[in-house]
Amino acid sequence: MLLALDAGNSNITIGAFEGRDLIFQWRLRTVHEQTADEWGILLRNLFSPANLDIAKVDGIIISSVVPPIDATLAFMTKRYFHTEAMFVTPRTDIGLIIRYDNPNEVGADRLVNGVAGFYKYGGPCVIVDMGTTINFDVISKDGEYLGGSIAVGIGIAIKALFTKTARLPLVEFRPPKDVVGTNTVASMQSGLYFGAVGMIDGILERIIEKLGPETKAIATGGQAHMIVEGSRYLKIVDEHLTLQGLQMIWERNHAKQ
């Protein structure tokens, strides 16, 4: 059994794979202060309700954009799973050519999404990952990671409206009934939703113009389903894209070993 961990700024998503099949997944908060023992006990406690045997875990792969917790996760995997985790880096054989000016600046999650997007849907493609930030990752028809865009995430925008104003409340992100809000909450939800959709479509329009009309646009991340409802370019939602990309990278490197 393979455990795939995607450690983001807000959440850690964990997937359990039997071969290429994702058989279970969990989402935990990213807590910087958590110790290796706390992570280990937490992960082990997830297995029993899912009727999974922890002894069957024989591989762990991690993509992380939170350097302060990397050493903790590495120690946890050795102590509780008796295996050394494989961390995805720009030096990992991912099956894509990285064309970024400085490959060391590319987040592991962006590379992993690029792998899954290209090998599942073909190139050229652009993956829109809606997390703490909104990442656009662009892959050429020849399997080159070209780069992309990084925009402010929806959660950050909501918190900024609440904390930087005197009278605006904290609101839930959801598609509004009408673009014209008739009260403060509805007006904020309209601005947040259509602002996000407009920004995403505006960037996608320029990327597709650059790569060609055959470019596939794939959405993943927390708000993907809601954004796709209003988007002109996003039609594919793949909520397990990052975890499947980790499995693909593990398989590629494990097969060679």
Protein backbone atom coordinates (compact mmCIF):
# COMPACT_ATOMS: atom_id res chain seq x y z
CA MET A 1 0.00 0.00 0.00
CA LEU A 2 1.22 3.48 -0.90
CA LEU A 3 0.49 6.56 1.20
CA ALA A 4 0.56 9.84 -0.73
CA LEU A 5 0.71 13.09 1.26
CA ASP A 6 0.14 16.53 -0.24
CA ALA A 7 1.19 19.06 2.40
CA GLY A 8 -0.20 22.50 1.64
CA ASN A 9 -0.28 25.74 3.59
CA SER A 10 -3.78 25.13 4.95
CA ASN A 11 -4.36 21.36 4.70
CA ILE A 12 -2.60 18.05 4.27
CA THR A 13 -4.42 15.67 1.96
CA ILE A 14 -3.57 11.99 2.38
CA GLY A 15 -4.43 9.19 -0.01
CA ALA A 16 -4.07 5.41 0.38
CA PHE A 17 -3.42 3.53 -2.86
CA GLU A 18 -3.62 -0.14 -3.73
CA GLY A 19 -1.72 -0.20 -6.98
CA ARG A 20 -3.21 2.67 -9.00
CA ASP A 21 -6.52 2.65 -7.13
CA LEU A 22 -7.17 5.38 -4.58
CA ILE A 23 -9.00 3.43 -1.89
CA PHE A 24 -9.26 6.10 0.82
CA GLN A 25 -8.41 9.72 1.43
CA TRP A 26 -8.35 12.14 4.34
CA ARG A 27 -7.87 15.89 4.78
CA LEU A 28 -6.15 17.28 7.89
CA ARG A 29 -5.21 20.80 8.95
CA THR A 30 -1.57 21.76 8.47
CA VAL A 31 -0.33 22.39 12.02
CA HIS A 32 3.26 23.61 12.08
CA GLU A 33 3.73 22.91 15.78
CA GLN A 34 2.64 19.27 15.59
CA THR A 35 5.35 16.79 16.55
CA ALA A 36 6.36 13.66 14.67
CA ASP A 37 4.66 11.56 17.35
CA GLU A 38 1.44 13.54 17.02
CA TRP A 39 1.47 13.15 13.23
CA GLY A 40 2.23 9.46 13.52
CA ILE A 41 -0.52 8.72 16.05
CA LEU A 42 -2.98 10.81 14.04
CA LEU A 43 -2.25 8.96 10.80
CA ARG A 44 -2.34 5.54 12.46
CA ASN A 45 -5.70 6.38 14.04
CA LEU A 46 -7.16 7.07 10.60
CA PHE A 47 -6.60 3.49 9.48
CA SER A 48 -8.85 1.62 11.89
CA PRO A 49 -12.18 3.26 10.94
CA ALA A 50 -11.28 2.73 7.28
CA ASN A 51 -10.53 -0.98 7.88
CA LEU A 52 -7.00 -0.55 6.53
CA ASP A 53 -3.98 -2.48 7.78
CA ILE A 54 -1.12 -0.13 8.61
CA ALA A 55 1.35 -3.00 8.26
CA LYS A 56 0.64 -3.08 4.53
CA VAL A 57 2.07 0.41 3.98
CA ASP A 58 5.31 -0.17 2.09
CA GLY A 59 5.81 3.22 0.50
CA ILE A 60 5.22 6.91 1.26
CA ILE A 61 5.54 9.83 -1.13
CA ILE A 62 5.19 13.48 -0.08
CA SER A 63 4.80 16.76 -1.91
CA SER A 64 5.23 19.66 0.47
CA VAL A 65 5.21 23.44 0.15
CA VAL A 66 5.68 23.88 3.91
CA PRO A 67 9.43 23.43 4.59
CA PRO A 68 9.13 23.79 8.41
CA ILE A 69 7.21 20.49 8.67
CA ASP A 70 9.29 18.43 6.21
CA ALA A 71 11.79 17.11 8.75
CA THR A 72 8.94 16.25 11.14
CA LEU A 73 7.07 14.29 8.46
CA ALA A 74 10.27 12.51 7.42
CA PHE A 75 10.99 11.43 10.98
CA MET A 76 7.36 10.37 11.48
CA THR A 77 7.43 8.05 8.45
CA LYS A 78 10.56 6.31 9.71
CA ARG A 79 9.31 5.93 13.27
CA TYR A 80 5.70 4.92 12.64
CA PHE A 81 5.77 3.34 9.17
CA HIS A 82 9.35 2.03 9.14
CA THR A 83 10.03 3.44 5.70
CA GLU A 84 11.81 6.46 4.29
CA ALA A 85 9.48 8.90 2.57
CA MET A 86 10.15 10.03 -0.98
CA PHE A 87 9.86 13.83 -1.22
CA VAL A 88 9.06 15.28 -4.64
CA THR A 89 11.58 17.95 -5.67
CA PRO A 90 12.61 19.52 -9.00
CA ARG A 91 15.36 16.88 -9.12
CA THR A 92 12.87 14.00 -8.98
CA ASP A 93 12.24 12.11 -12.21
CA ILE A 94 8.66 13.20 -12.85
CA GLY A 95 8.46 12.50 -16.58
CA LEU A 96 8.22 16.19 -17.53
CA ILE A 97 10.91 18.62 -18.71
CA ILE A 98 10.94 21.62 -16.38
CA ARG A 99 11.34 24.90 -18.29
CA TYR A 100 11.05 27.20 -15.26
CA ASP A 101 13.90 29.74 -15.04
CA ASN A 102 14.93 28.31 -11.68
CA PRO A 103 13.41 24.83 -11.18
CA ASN A 104 14.12 25.02 -7.45
CA GLU A 105 11.46 27.74 -7.15
CA VAL A 106 8.63 25.52 -8.41
CA GLY A 107 6.34 24.17 -5.68
CA ALA A 108 6.21 20.39 -5.52
CA ASP A 109 2.41 20.47 -5.71
CA ARG A 110 2.59 22.37 -9.01
CA LEU A 111 4.89 19.77 -10.53
CA VAL A 112 2.70 16.93 -9.29
CA ASN A 113 -0.42 18.55 -10.76
CA GLY A 114 1.42 18.99 -14.04
CA VAL A 115 2.30 15.29 -14.13
CA ALA A 116 -1.26 14.16 -13.46
CA GLY A 117 -2.77 16.68 -15.86
CA PHE A 118 -0.46 15.73 -18.73
CA TYR A 119 -0.58 11.96 -18.31
CA LYS A 120 -4.34 11.85 -17.70
CA TYR A 121 -5.54 14.41 -20.24
CA GLY A 122 -2.64 15.04 -22.61
CA GLY A 123 -1.02 18.29 -23.63
CA PRO A 124 -1.18 21.11 -23.99
CA CYS A 125 -3.06 21.55 -20.76
CA VAL A 126 -3.44 23.94 -17.85
CA ILE A 127 -4.30 22.83 -14.33
CA VAL A 128 -6.08 25.32 -12.07
CA ASP A 129 -5.58 24.34 -8.42
CA MET A 130 -7.78 26.27 -6.00
CA GLY A 131 -6.18 26.18 -2.59
CA THR A 132 -4.62 28.83 -0.36
CA THR A 133 -3.46 30.33 -3.64
CA ILE A 134 -4.91 29.73 -7.09
CA ASN A 135 -2.20 28.11 -9.18
CA PHE A 136 -2.22 27.82 -12.96
CA ASP A 137 0.25 25.17 -14.16
CA VAL A 138 0.89 24.96 -17.89
CA ILE A 139 2.15 21.88 -19.73
CA SER A 140 3.06 21.87 -23.43
CA LYS A 141 2.01 19.23 -25.95
CA ASP A 142 5.56 17.82 -25.66
CA GLY A 143 5.40 17.29 -21.89
CA GLU A 144 7.23 20.43 -20.81
CA TYR A 145 6.35 22.18 -17.57
CA LEU A 146 6.33 25.77 -18.83
CA GLY A 147 5.32 27.61 -15.65
CA GLY A 148 2.07 29.44 -15.11
CA SER A 149 0.46 31.96 -12.78
CA ILE A 150 -0.11 32.29 -9.04
CA ALA A 151 -3.09 34.33 -7.87
CA VAL A 152 -4.66 35.19 -4.52
CA GLY A 153 -6.77 32.34 -3.15
CA ILE A 154 -10.47 32.72 -2.43
CA GLY A 155 -10.03 32.13 1.31
CA ILE A 156 -7.41 34.89 1.50
CA ALA A 157 -9.75 37.29 -0.30
CA ILE A 158 -12.60 36.52 2.11
CA LYS A 159 -10.38 37.06 5.17
CA ALA A 160 -8.97 40.28 3.71
CA LEU A 161 -12.45 41.77 3.24
CA PHE A 162 -13.32 40.87 6.83
CA THR A 163 -10.10 41.99 8.54
CA LYS A 164 -9.35 45.10 6.49
CA THR A 165 -12.80 46.70 6.74
CA ALA A 166 -14.81 47.98 9.68
CA ARG A 167 -18.29 46.76 8.79
CA LEU A 168 -18.05 43.89 6.32
CA PRO A 169 -18.83 40.47 7.82
CA LEU A 170 -17.11 37.13 7.28
CA VAL A 171 -19.11 35.37 4.57
CA GLU A 172 -19.38 31.90 3.07
CA PHE A 173 -18.10 31.45 -0.47
CA ARG A 174 -20.82 30.18 -2.77
CA PRO A 175 -22.46 31.02 -6.11
CA PRO A 176 -24.87 33.93 -5.56
CA LYS A 177 -28.48 33.94 -6.71
CA ASP A 178 -27.87 37.09 -8.73
CA VAL A 179 -24.88 39.19 -9.77
CA VAL A 180 -26.68 42.18 -8.25
CA GLY A 181 -26.70 41.68 -4.49
CA THR A 182 -29.54 43.30 -2.57
CA ASN A 183 -27.84 43.16 0.84
CA THR A 184 -24.27 43.27 2.12
CA VAL A 185 -23.72 39.50 2.34
CA ALA A 186 -25.20 38.90 -1.12
CA SER A 187 -23.13 41.75 -2.57
CA MET A 188 -19.93 40.33 -1.08
CA GLN A 189 -20.73 36.83 -2.32
CA SER A 190 -21.40 38.21 -5.79
CA GLY A 191 -18.11 40.09 -5.83
CA LEU A 192 -16.12 37.16 -4.46
CA TYR A 193 -17.67 34.58 -6.77
CA PHE A 194 -17.79 36.51 -10.02
CA GLY A 195 -14.49 38.16 -9.23
CA ALA A 196 -12.84 34.75 -8.85
CA VAL A 197 -14.52 33.36 -11.98
CA GLY A 198 -13.61 36.45 -13.99
CA MET A 199 -9.99 36.35 -12.86
CA ILE A 200 -9.66 32.63 -13.59
CA ASP A 201 -11.30 32.91 -17.01
CA GLY A 202 -9.23 35.97 -17.85
CA ILE A 203 -5.96 34.16 -17.18
CA LEU A 204 -7.16 30.99 -18.93
CA GLU A 205 -8.18 32.98 -21.99
CA ARG A 206 -4.64 34.29 -22.36
CA ILE A 207 -3.02 30.90 -21.72
CA ILE A 208 -5.27 29.18 -24.28
CA GLU A 209 -4.55 31.95 -26.78
CA LYS A 210 -0.83 31.28 -26.26
CA LEU A 211 -0.96 27.46 -26.42
CA GLY A 212 -3.78 26.94 -28.91
CA PRO A 213 -7.50 26.10 -28.88
CA GLU A 214 -6.86 22.40 -28.23
CA THR A 215 -5.59 23.24 -24.72
CA LYS A 216 -7.38 21.31 -21.96
CA ALA A 217 -8.26 23.18 -18.76
CA ILE A 218 -8.62 21.05 -15.61
CA ALA A 219 -9.80 22.29 -12.21
CA THR A 220 -8.88 20.79 -8.86
CA GLY A 221 -8.95 21.94 -5.24
CA GLY A 222 -11.55 22.97 -2.72
CA GLN A 223 -13.78 25.36 -4.68
CA ALA A 224 -13.33 23.73 -8.10
CA HIS A 225 -16.91 22.48 -8.46
CA MET A 226 -18.40 25.88 -7.68
CA ILE A 227 -16.08 27.78 -10.02
CA VAL A 228 -16.72 25.40 -12.92
CA GLU A 229 -20.44 26.24 -12.72
CA GLY A 230 -19.70 29.81 -13.83
CA SER A 231 -16.53 29.37 -15.91
CA ARG A 232 -16.39 29.60 -19.70
CA TYR A 233 -13.18 27.56 -19.94
CA LEU A 234 -13.13 25.12 -17.02
CA LYS A 235 -15.25 22.06 -17.79
CA ILE A 236 -13.24 19.25 -16.15
CA VAL A 237 -13.10 18.83 -12.36
CA ASP A 238 -10.63 16.28 -10.98
CA GLU A 239 -10.61 16.41 -7.20
CA HIS A 240 -8.03 13.63 -6.81
CA LEU A 241 -5.57 15.02 -9.37
CA THR A 242 -2.71 15.82 -6.96
CA LEU A 243 -2.87 12.48 -5.15
CA GLN A 244 -2.96 10.62 -8.47
CA GLY A 245 0.04 12.62 -9.65
CA LEU A 246 1.95 11.50 -6.56
CA GLN A 247 1.05 7.88 -7.29
CA MET A 248 2.28 8.28 -10.89
CA ILE A 249 5.62 9.73 -9.75
CA TRP A 250 6.04 6.98 -7.16
CA GLU A 251 5.31 4.30 -9.74
CA ARG A 252 7.70 5.83 -12.26
CA ASN A 253 10.59 5.94 -9.77
CA HIS A 254 9.73 2.74 -7.90
CA ALA A 255 9.58 0.71 -11.12
CA LYS A 256 13.14 1.79 -11.96
CA GLN A 257 14.36 0.70 -8.54
